[in-house]
Amino acid sequence: MTQPDPNRILRLLPLAVGSFGGLLLLLNRLMTAELTNSQARSDALGVILSALLILTGLLWQRVQPRMPESVELIGAQGFELDPTLPDAIKVELAWASHSLLTNTVTKSVVVWYEGKTLLRRGVLGTEAELTPGPIVKRALDTEKPIYLVALKLYPGRVEFPYLPENTQGVICQPLGKQGVLILGANAPRSYTQQDEAWVAAIADKLAATLDRNVTVA
């Protein structure tokens, strides 16, 4: 289910008014048997105003960002934590995932560390365990985040069965070389640079905490 762009009518308004005004001026000119000097000046002014409105509308189409279309993710809401984790780590993971779900467009959160899925929260996918695929492995090897702005365009989307099948955007944020934070969004191109900076900051904090406290058998 997609959400309509709330600014669509506003962006189209100058185009519609300018085009309608220009059409009225043309009809008025065609229906006028004898053109007076005052009418000629009025028509010229009307043409300029109509042209400005049309130009404004065209600029708004380019400058004003369109709201990306969002979907209802397929899956059940859930909150799964590895029961063997220390309480302090559980609290840290709960805080981090809650912050991401409430302060960004994230709808699904998965934390994988040292070969084990520590957390899944939000809308859950069909697979409970994360098995790193080529995209996740590249993020781990380079220790740099990978942002798939429109997941459906990437053949590698099949490696994310632990996310809802209609996930629109994915961030693979490494937690050092030992783990990764996977975020799923319900709209393509929806993470801003501020969101990405916030994700990176939370990942750095998680990585430091997990490196000190987690030992996976």
Protein backbone atom coordinates (compact mmCIF):
# COMPACT_ATOMS: atom_id res chain seq x y z
CA MET A 1 0.00 0.00 0.00
CA THR A 2 1.60 3.27 -1.11
CA GLN A 3 1.22 6.68 0.43
CA PRO A 4 0.41 9.56 -1.95
CA ASP A 5 2.68 12.57 -2.12
CA PRO A 6 0.98 15.28 0.03
CA ASN A 7 2.72 18.08 -1.93
CA ARG A 8 1.72 16.88 -5.39
CA ILE A 9 -1.23 19.28 -5.78
CA LEU A 10 0.80 22.19 -4.43
CA ARG A 11 3.58 21.58 -6.95
CA LEU A 12 1.11 21.35 -9.83
CA LEU A 13 -0.87 24.46 -8.85
CA PRO A 14 1.37 27.10 -10.52
CA LEU A 15 1.49 25.03 -13.72
CA ALA A 16 -2.29 24.67 -13.79
CA VAL A 17 -3.01 28.34 -13.02
CA GLY A 18 -0.40 29.61 -15.48
CA SER A 19 -1.64 27.34 -18.29
CA PHE A 20 -5.28 28.21 -17.61
CA GLY A 21 -4.49 31.94 -17.55
CA GLY A 22 -2.58 31.69 -20.83
CA LEU A 23 -5.48 29.83 -22.45
CA LEU A 24 -7.96 32.50 -21.34
CA LEU A 25 -5.73 35.23 -22.77
CA LEU A 26 -5.54 33.40 -26.10
CA LEU A 27 -9.33 32.94 -26.27
CA ASN A 28 -9.88 36.58 -25.35
CA ARG A 29 -7.51 37.70 -28.11
CA LEU A 30 -9.20 35.46 -30.70
CA MET A 31 -12.65 36.73 -29.75
CA THR A 32 -11.68 40.41 -29.83
CA ALA A 33 -12.59 42.07 -33.10
CA GLU A 34 -10.59 45.27 -32.54
CA LEU A 35 -7.56 45.35 -30.26
CA THR A 36 -7.04 48.51 -28.24
CA ASN A 37 -3.71 49.74 -26.87
CA SER A 38 -4.84 49.19 -23.28
CA GLN A 39 -5.91 45.62 -24.05
CA ALA A 40 -2.58 44.94 -25.75
CA ARG A 41 -0.72 46.10 -22.65
CA SER A 42 -2.99 44.00 -20.42
CA ASP A 43 -2.46 40.94 -22.61
CA ALA A 44 1.31 41.41 -22.50
CA LEU A 45 1.24 41.64 -18.72
CA GLY A 46 -1.00 38.57 -18.50
CA VAL A 47 1.34 36.59 -20.74
CA ILE A 48 4.31 37.49 -18.52
CA LEU A 49 2.44 36.50 -15.36
CA SER A 50 1.29 33.20 -16.90
CA ALA A 51 4.83 32.45 -18.06
CA LEU A 52 6.20 33.16 -14.59
CA LEU A 53 3.64 30.83 -13.01
CA ILE A 54 4.47 28.06 -15.47
CA LEU A 55 8.20 28.55 -14.88
CA THR A 56 7.65 28.44 -11.10
CA GLY A 57 5.72 25.22 -11.45
CA LEU A 58 8.46 23.63 -13.55
CA LEU A 59 11.11 24.69 -11.02
CA TRP A 60 9.07 23.25 -8.17
CA GLN A 61 8.93 19.94 -9.99
CA ARG A 62 12.73 19.88 -9.97
CA VAL A 63 13.62 21.59 -6.70
CA GLN A 64 11.03 20.32 -4.25
CA PRO A 65 11.81 16.71 -3.32
CA ARG A 66 9.05 14.23 -3.84
CA MET A 67 8.15 12.08 -0.88
CA PRO A 68 9.29 8.53 -1.67
CA GLU A 69 6.45 6.06 -1.92
CA SER A 70 6.25 3.78 1.09
CA VAL A 71 4.75 0.31 1.40
CA GLU A 72 3.32 -1.79 4.18
CA LEU A 73 6.08 -4.30 4.92
CA ILE A 74 5.08 -7.95 4.82
CA GLY A 75 5.78 -9.58 8.16
CA ALA A 76 4.89 -9.58 11.83
CA GLN A 77 6.13 -7.11 14.41
CA GLY A 78 8.59 -8.74 16.78
CA PHE A 79 11.42 -8.22 19.23
CA GLU A 80 13.92 -11.07 19.54
CA LEU A 81 17.07 -10.98 21.68
CA ASP A 82 19.67 -13.67 22.15
CA PRO A 83 18.79 -14.99 25.64
CA THR A 84 22.42 -15.85 26.42
CA LEU A 85 23.52 -12.21 26.32
CA PRO A 86 24.38 -10.34 29.52
CA ASP A 87 21.64 -8.02 30.75
CA ALA A 88 23.77 -4.94 30.08
CA ILE A 89 24.13 -5.91 26.42
CA LYS A 90 20.41 -6.61 26.14
CA VAL A 91 19.67 -3.13 27.45
CA GLU A 92 22.17 -1.58 25.02
CA LEU A 93 20.70 -3.43 22.05
CA ALA A 94 17.15 -2.56 23.10
CA TRP A 95 18.05 1.13 23.39
CA ALA A 96 19.88 1.20 20.05
CA SER A 97 17.12 -0.56 18.13
CA HIS A 98 14.41 1.59 19.73
CA SER A 99 16.33 4.76 18.79
CA LEU A 100 16.67 3.65 15.18
CA LEU A 101 13.04 2.63 14.85
CA THR A 102 11.70 5.85 16.35
CA ASN A 103 14.16 8.44 15.01
CA THR A 104 14.75 7.22 11.44
CA VAL A 105 12.68 5.63 8.67
CA THR A 106 13.89 2.20 9.80
CA LYS A 107 11.22 -0.49 10.13
CA SER A 108 13.43 -3.54 10.66
CA VAL A 109 16.64 -3.95 12.69
CA VAL A 110 18.99 -6.93 12.74
CA VAL A 111 22.27 -7.13 14.68
CA TRP A 112 24.74 -9.89 13.81
CA TYR A 113 28.01 -10.27 15.68
CA GLU A 114 30.74 -12.92 15.64
CA GLY A 115 28.65 -15.39 13.67
CA LYS A 116 25.45 -15.04 15.68
CA THR A 117 22.22 -13.07 15.32
CA LEU A 118 21.91 -11.08 18.55
CA LEU A 119 18.77 -9.08 17.80
CA ARG A 120 15.84 -8.80 15.43
CA ARG A 121 13.29 -6.07 15.98
CA GLY A 122 10.52 -4.33 14.07
CA VAL A 123 8.91 -6.04 11.09
CA LEU A 124 10.57 -9.45 10.86
CA GLY A 125 11.46 -11.50 7.80
CA THR A 126 10.96 -15.22 7.28
CA GLU A 127 14.49 -16.26 8.28
CA ALA A 128 15.54 -15.95 11.91
CA GLU A 129 19.31 -16.22 11.35
CA LEU A 130 21.49 -13.88 9.32
CA THR A 131 23.86 -15.59 6.91
CA PRO A 132 26.25 -12.99 5.44
CA GLY A 133 26.01 -12.74 1.66
CA PRO A 134 28.34 -10.88 -0.73
CA ILE A 135 26.97 -7.43 0.13
CA VAL A 136 27.25 -7.91 3.89
CA LYS A 137 30.70 -9.49 3.50
CA ARG A 138 31.87 -6.49 1.50
CA ALA A 139 30.69 -4.16 4.26
CA LEU A 140 32.56 -6.26 6.82
CA ASP A 141 35.75 -6.46 4.74
CA THR A 142 35.88 -2.74 4.00
CA GLU A 143 34.39 -1.65 7.36
CA LYS A 144 32.34 0.86 5.38
CA PRO A 145 28.54 1.09 5.25
CA ILE A 146 26.61 0.05 2.15
CA TYR A 147 23.33 1.79 1.44
CA LEU A 148 21.05 0.06 -1.07
CA VAL A 149 18.71 2.94 -1.85
CA ALA A 150 16.18 0.83 -3.80
CA LEU A 151 16.59 -2.83 -2.89
CA LYS A 152 14.37 -4.16 -5.69
CA LEU A 153 16.91 -2.92 -8.25
CA TYR A 154 19.74 -5.06 -6.84
CA PRO A 155 20.11 -8.75 -7.75
CA GLY A 156 21.72 -9.19 -4.31
CA ARG A 157 18.40 -8.56 -2.59
CA VAL A 158 17.96 -12.34 -2.28
CA GLU A 159 20.58 -12.42 0.48
CA PHE A 160 18.25 -10.59 2.89
CA PRO A 161 15.55 -13.19 3.76
CA TYR A 162 15.76 -12.12 7.40
CA LEU A 163 14.15 -8.83 6.33
CA PRO A 164 10.57 -8.47 5.02
CA GLU A 165 10.38 -9.59 1.39
CA ASN A 166 9.18 -6.17 0.18
CA THR A 167 11.82 -4.13 2.03
CA GLN A 168 12.52 -1.04 -0.06
CA GLY A 169 15.88 0.20 1.24
CA VAL A 170 18.70 -1.39 3.25
CA ILE A 171 21.70 -0.09 5.17
CA CYS A 172 24.51 -2.52 6.02
CA GLN A 173 26.45 -0.75 8.75
CA PRO A 174 29.54 -2.67 9.93
CA LEU A 175 30.29 -3.12 13.62
CA GLY A 176 34.04 -3.30 13.10
CA LYS A 177 35.07 -6.51 11.32
CA GLN A 178 33.13 -8.75 13.69
CA GLY A 179 29.55 -7.79 13.05
CA VAL A 180 27.02 -5.79 11.13
CA LEU A 181 23.92 -3.74 11.79
CA ILE A 182 21.25 -4.30 9.12
CA LEU A 183 18.44 -1.78 8.74
CA GLY A 184 15.40 -2.10 6.48
CA ALA A 185 13.12 0.74 5.38
CA ASN A 186 9.65 0.69 3.82
CA ALA A 187 10.45 3.38 1.23
CA PRO A 188 13.29 3.73 -1.31
CA ARG A 189 15.78 6.59 -1.08
CA SER A 190 14.35 7.47 2.34
CA TYR A 191 17.48 7.75 4.51
CA THR A 192 18.92 11.26 4.68
CA GLN A 193 22.56 12.10 5.33
CA GLN A 194 21.56 12.98 8.88
CA ASP A 195 19.97 9.53 9.25
CA GLU A 196 23.13 7.86 7.97
CA ALA A 197 25.26 9.85 10.42
CA TRP A 198 22.96 8.83 13.27
CA VAL A 199 23.13 5.16 12.21
CA ALA A 200 26.94 5.33 12.08
CA ALA A 201 27.13 6.88 15.56
CA ILE A 202 24.90 4.21 17.09
CA ALA A 203 26.87 1.48 15.31
CA ASP A 204 30.16 2.81 16.70
CA LYS A 205 28.72 2.77 20.22
CA LEU A 206 27.35 -0.74 19.77
CA ALA A 207 30.62 -2.01 18.32
CA ALA A 208 32.60 -0.67 21.28
CA THR A 209 30.19 -2.20 23.79
CA LEU A 210 30.00 -5.57 22.05
CA ASP A 211 33.78 -5.75 21.60
CA ARG A 212 34.23 -5.37 25.37
CA ASN A 213 31.47 -7.64 26.54
CA VAL A 214 30.39 -10.26 24.02
CA THR A 215 32.11 -13.60 23.67
CA VAL A 216 30.29 -15.98 21.41
CA ALA A 217 31.06 -19.60 21.92
